[in-house]
Amino acid sequence: MMTGNLKSKRVLLIGANGGVGAAIMRELLDADAAVIATVSRPEKISKFRADFPGAEDYIALDLSDSEAVLNHLAKRLADVDRLDAVIHCPAICVFGAAEVIPLAAVRESMEVNLLSALAVYQATIDHLRRAKGRIVFIGSLSGKIATPVMGAYVSSKFALEGLVDSMRQEASQFGVSVILLQPGSIATPMVDRCIDELTTTIKQADAGTAELYKGMYENAHKQLIDQQKNETASSAAEVAAAAIKSLGDPQPETRYRIGADAHFLLEACRTKSDREMDSIILGESAA
């Protein structure tokens, strides 16, 4: 069972070039782990290798095609003699009211945020079974608390919660720990991309949609900007620290909450009704 010292432990890090992924990469290398890192596109590898020269291997992996993820990882890992842990941390966020969001955008969100996680699990579970290892998924507060105009992202994260529960139950018989991190708001470059995307969504909305959902779009936009400015938002380093802790804890938790908003809202949803939670969210939405 994987506990304590990560020195020489082999870890597969999916989505290493993101804000949280890079922070986790730094922690793993500082702990002298042997890291196999995936990045989103081949052209990113050279820069990533220069930034993090200590990795064991670098793989370009397009997470928008889960079948390709499964096949490519299975081939690349075929000759790996041991894999102690996997961390899956990428996600995309697309915006739009459920009434008008393109189905293709929802499908892409599901591919990256949900199906790629399942593909990674399927490609690595035999390795983890032999090592009695651990697999960690970066979820979200949005996997428990819904917010308007974020239905695609929210639904993918809600689905990830259920998928992780099933995987955890199935893998427990093999001594494999399946762990979910639940961060609240995080100040990362992803939020900047979300702000830009939501700005574009608002500009491109037709007159009817703009009139119907103007307030909700604008409130979501304001919340994202506030999130980047908010000194209480978690940093990527804090999420990385929780990921490393989940690998080292002798008896890991099934879920790790990260951030004050995650603690507050996840506790609130245990005791409050749906309508009470709706009032909280619509009054002061938390992404």
Foldseek 3Di string as FASTA:
>chain_A
DFADQQAAAEEEEEALPFFLNVLLLVVNVVSNHAYEYEHAAPVCVVVVCVVRVRHPYYHHDHQLDQVCLLVVLLVVCVPPPAHAEYEYEDAAFAFAAPVDDDPVVLSSRLSRLPSNVVSVCVSCVVRCLVNLHEYEYEAELLLVAPAGRGVSNSVSRVVNVVVLVVVQVVSVVSSYHYAYEYEFQEQTVSLVVVLVNLVVVQVPDDPVRCVVCVVRSVLVNVQSVCSNVPPQHHYSNQVSVVVVVQSHDPDHDRYHYHGPVSVVLVVVVVPDDPVVSVCVCVVRNTD
